[in-house]
Amino acid sequence: MTPRHQKTITVTVRNAVRQTGLSDRYISECIQRSLINEPLTDADLVELRRIRRLQELGVNLPGIEVILHMRQRMRTLQAELDRIARQWEIAGWTAEGDLGPEPVVEQWQRLLPWERS
């Protein structure tokens, strides 16, 4: 089953408060800042737990907002790099030079280790 065909389970704010340890006011602020969306889903609970961890590290909400937007941008850029690397591999290209003649995807994964699959 692909992710787009999976059933989305919605979660109430009250349940999100219980499951994440954040206050309902804080969760509402996260919704207002578009860090999560209503109705809340399991994916939003994961994001709220990430927010709680950052908060525990002493990061304030505006800082958390910047971190999460940067994280999403990095994931978007990584997906674009992966797409380009696949096109290069299909064409039979490799990047030669300082990195050697290894496939482009492996080079990017070695150089950009976040979000490895």
C-alpha atoms as a PDB file:
ATOM      1  CA  MET A   1       0.000   0.000   0.000  1.00  0.00           C
ATOM      2  CA  THR A   2       1.453   3.375  -0.926  1.00  0.00           C
ATOM      3  CA  PRO A   3       1.443   6.222   1.636  1.00  0.00           C
ATOM      4  CA  ARG A   4      -1.090   8.169  -0.379  1.00  0.00           C
ATOM      5  CA  HIS A   5      -3.572   5.280  -0.142  1.00  0.00           C
ATOM      6  CA  GLN A   6      -3.128   4.736   3.591  1.00  0.00           C
ATOM      7  CA  LYS A   7      -5.980   5.805   5.828  1.00  0.00           C
ATOM      8  CA  THR A   8      -5.244   9.011   7.702  1.00  0.00           C
ATOM      9  CA  ILE A   9      -6.130   8.878  11.375  1.00  0.00           C
ATOM     10  CA  THR A  10      -7.076  12.190  12.928  1.00  0.00           C
ATOM     11  CA  VAL A  11      -6.145  13.067  16.482  1.00  0.00           C
ATOM     12  CA  THR A  12      -7.838  15.542  18.790  1.00  0.00           C
ATOM     13  CA  VAL A  13      -5.866  18.329  20.433  1.00  0.00           C
ATOM     14  CA  ARG A  14      -6.700  16.764  23.794  1.00  0.00           C
ATOM     15  CA  ASN A  15      -5.089  13.480  22.714  1.00  0.00           C
ATOM     16  CA  ALA A  16      -2.136  15.373  21.250  1.00  0.00           C
ATOM     17  CA  VAL A  17      -1.629  17.081  24.626  1.00  0.00           C
ATOM     18  CA  ARG A  18      -1.580  13.676  26.343  1.00  0.00           C
ATOM     19  CA  GLN A  19       0.703  12.053  23.786  1.00  0.00           C
ATOM     20  CA  THR A  20       3.231  14.858  23.411  1.00  0.00           C
ATOM     21  CA  GLY A  21       3.327  16.549  26.803  1.00  0.00           C
ATOM     22  CA  LEU A  22       2.775  19.966  25.211  1.00  0.00           C
ATOM     23  CA  SER A  23      -0.001  22.272  26.392  1.00  0.00           C
ATOM     24  CA  ASP A  24      -3.107  22.848  24.307  1.00  0.00           C
ATOM     25  CA  ARG A  25      -2.148  26.527  24.077  1.00  0.00           C
ATOM     26  CA  TYR A  26       1.299  25.623  22.721  1.00  0.00           C
ATOM     27  CA  ILE A  27      -0.212  23.199  20.197  1.00  0.00           C
ATOM     28  CA  SER A  28      -2.646  25.926  19.102  1.00  0.00           C
ATOM     29  CA  GLU A  29       0.303  28.275  18.601  1.00  0.00           C
ATOM     30  CA  CYS A  30       2.014  25.616  16.467  1.00  0.00           C
ATOM     31  CA  ILE A  31      -1.149  25.327  14.366  1.00  0.00           C
ATOM     32  CA  GLN A  32      -1.344  29.116  14.042  1.00  0.00           C
ATOM     33  CA  ARG A  33       2.288  29.224  12.847  1.00  0.00           C
ATOM     34  CA  SER A  34       1.541  26.409  10.340  1.00  0.00           C
ATOM     35  CA  LEU A  35       4.054  24.056  11.931  1.00  0.00           C
ATOM     36  CA  ILE A  36       1.267  21.466  11.988  1.00  0.00           C
ATOM     37  CA  ASN A  37      -2.160  21.366  10.380  1.00  0.00           C
ATOM     38  CA  GLU A  38      -5.664  20.719  11.570  1.00  0.00           C
ATOM     39  CA  PRO A  39      -7.081  18.162  11.735  1.00  0.00           C
ATOM     40  CA  LEU A  40      -4.093  16.638  13.483  1.00  0.00           C
ATOM     41  CA  THR A  41      -2.727  13.362  12.147  1.00  0.00           C
ATOM     42  CA  ASP A  42      -0.146  10.837  13.307  1.00  0.00           C
ATOM     43  CA  ALA A  43       2.438  12.733  11.235  1.00  0.00           C
ATOM     44  CA  ASP A  44       1.579  15.894  13.177  1.00  0.00           C
ATOM     45  CA  LEU A  45       2.139  14.002  16.438  1.00  0.00           C
ATOM     46  CA  VAL A  46       5.619  13.064  15.227  1.00  0.00           C
ATOM     47  CA  GLU A  47       6.262  16.729  14.418  1.00  0.00           C
ATOM     48  CA  LEU A  48       4.913  17.812  17.825  1.00  0.00           C
ATOM     49  CA  ARG A  49       7.277  15.365  19.534  1.00  0.00           C
ATOM     50  CA  ARG A  50      10.133  16.858  17.514  1.00  0.00           C
ATOM     51  CA  ILE A  51       8.973  20.323  18.624  1.00  0.00           C
ATOM     52  CA  ARG A  52       8.912  19.167  22.248  1.00  0.00           C
ATOM     53  CA  ARG A  53      12.491  17.829  21.974  1.00  0.00           C
ATOM     54  CA  LEU A  54      13.676  21.149  20.561  1.00  0.00           C
ATOM     55  CA  GLN A  55      11.820  22.992  23.319  1.00  0.00           C
ATOM     56  CA  GLU A  56      13.514  20.774  25.924  1.00  0.00           C
ATOM     57  CA  LEU A  57      16.858  21.771  24.396  1.00  0.00           C
ATOM     58  CA  GLY A  58      15.982  25.395  25.132  1.00  0.00           C
ATOM     59  CA  VAL A  59      14.938  26.494  21.648  1.00  0.00           C
ATOM     60  CA  ASN A  60      12.069  28.997  21.665  1.00  0.00           C
ATOM     61  CA  LEU A  61       9.106  28.717  19.306  1.00  0.00           C
ATOM     62  CA  PRO A  62      10.403  31.210  16.702  1.00  0.00           C
ATOM     63  CA  GLY A  63      13.690  29.255  16.662  1.00  0.00           C
ATOM     64  CA  ILE A  64      11.813  25.971  16.322  1.00  0.00           C
ATOM     65  CA  GLU A  65       9.888  27.458  13.411  1.00  0.00           C
ATOM     66  CA  VAL A  66      13.141  28.361  11.635  1.00  0.00           C
ATOM     67  CA  ILE A  67      14.648  24.922  12.314  1.00  0.00           C
ATOM     68  CA  LEU A  68      11.601  23.072  11.001  1.00  0.00           C
ATOM     69  CA  HIS A  69      11.391  25.234   7.870  1.00  0.00           C
ATOM     70  CA  MET A  70      15.107  24.712   7.222  1.00  0.00           C
ATOM     71  CA  ARG A  71      14.674  20.961   7.758  1.00  0.00           C
ATOM     72  CA  GLN A  72      11.843  20.864   5.235  1.00  0.00           C
ATOM     73  CA  ARG A  73      13.908  22.889   2.757  1.00  0.00           C
ATOM     74  CA  MET A  74      16.828  20.461   3.161  1.00  0.00           C
ATOM     75  CA  ARG A  75      14.514  17.512   2.527  1.00  0.00           C
ATOM     76  CA  THR A  76      13.149  19.220  -0.585  1.00  0.00           C
ATOM     77  CA  LEU A  77      16.650  19.934  -1.872  1.00  0.00           C
ATOM     78  CA  GLN A  78      17.748  16.364  -1.113  1.00  0.00           C
ATOM     79  CA  ALA A  79      14.788  15.016  -3.078  1.00  0.00           C
ATOM     80  CA  GLU A  80      15.756  17.261  -6.000  1.00  0.00           C
ATOM     81  CA  LEU A  81      19.371  16.072  -5.820  1.00  0.00           C
ATOM     82  CA  ASP A  82      18.195  12.459  -5.745  1.00  0.00           C
ATOM     83  CA  ARG A  83      16.005  13.075  -8.792  1.00  0.00           C
ATOM     84  CA  ILE A  84      18.884  14.642 -10.719  1.00  0.00           C
ATOM     85  CA  ALA A  85      21.276  11.885  -9.650  1.00  0.00           C
ATOM     86  CA  ARG A  86      18.826   9.235 -10.891  1.00  0.00           C
ATOM     87  CA  GLN A  87      18.634  11.026 -14.231  1.00  0.00           C
ATOM     88  CA  TRP A  88      22.434  11.075 -14.421  1.00  0.00           C
ATOM     89  CA  GLU A  89      22.621   7.379 -13.617  1.00  0.00           C
ATOM     90  CA  ILE A  90      19.994   6.549 -16.253  1.00  0.00           C
ATOM     91  CA  ALA A  91      22.112   8.458 -18.761  1.00  0.00           C
ATOM     92  CA  GLY A  92      25.176   6.481 -17.601  1.00  0.00           C
ATOM     93  CA  TRP A  93      26.988   9.493 -16.219  1.00  0.00           C
ATOM     94  CA  THR A  94      29.226   9.541 -13.179  1.00  0.00           C
ATOM     95  CA  ALA A  95      31.025  12.445 -11.608  1.00  0.00           C
ATOM     96  CA  GLU A  96      34.758  12.118 -12.113  1.00  0.00           C
ATOM     97  CA  GLY A  97      37.358  14.139 -10.310  1.00  0.00           C
ATOM     98  CA  ASP A  98      38.190  14.473  -6.628  1.00  0.00           C
ATOM     99  CA  LEU A  99      35.418  12.071  -5.665  1.00  0.00           C
ATOM    100  CA  GLY A 100      36.424   9.327  -8.101  1.00  0.00           C
ATOM    101  CA  PRO A 101      34.266   7.445 -10.574  1.00  0.00           C
ATOM    102  CA  GLU A 102      31.573   6.233  -8.140  1.00  0.00           C
ATOM    103  CA  PRO A 103      27.867   6.647  -9.021  1.00  0.00           C
ATOM    104  CA  VAL A 104      26.486  10.127  -8.366  1.00  0.00           C
ATOM    105  CA  VAL A 105      23.837   8.978  -5.871  1.00  0.00           C
ATOM    106  CA  GLU A 106      26.467   7.338  -3.667  1.00  0.00           C
ATOM    107  CA  GLN A 107      28.570  10.497  -3.801  1.00  0.00           C
ATOM    108  CA  TRP A 108      25.650  12.679  -2.672  1.00  0.00           C
ATOM    109  CA  GLN A 109      24.716  10.258   0.099  1.00  0.00           C
ATOM    110  CA  ARG A 110      28.280  10.321   1.355  1.00  0.00           C
ATOM    111  CA  LEU A 111      28.526  14.102   1.152  1.00  0.00           C
ATOM    112  CA  LEU A 112      25.007  14.873   2.452  1.00  0.00           C
ATOM    113  CA  PRO A 113      24.351  12.240   5.123  1.00  0.00           C
ATOM    114  CA  TRP A 114      21.024  13.554   6.450  1.00  0.00           C
ATOM    115  CA  GLU A 115      17.793  11.873   5.410  1.00  0.00           C
ATOM    116  CA  ARG A 116      19.522   8.748   4.091  1.00  0.00           C
ATOM    117  CA  SER A 117      17.088   6.083   3.009  1.00  0.00           C
END
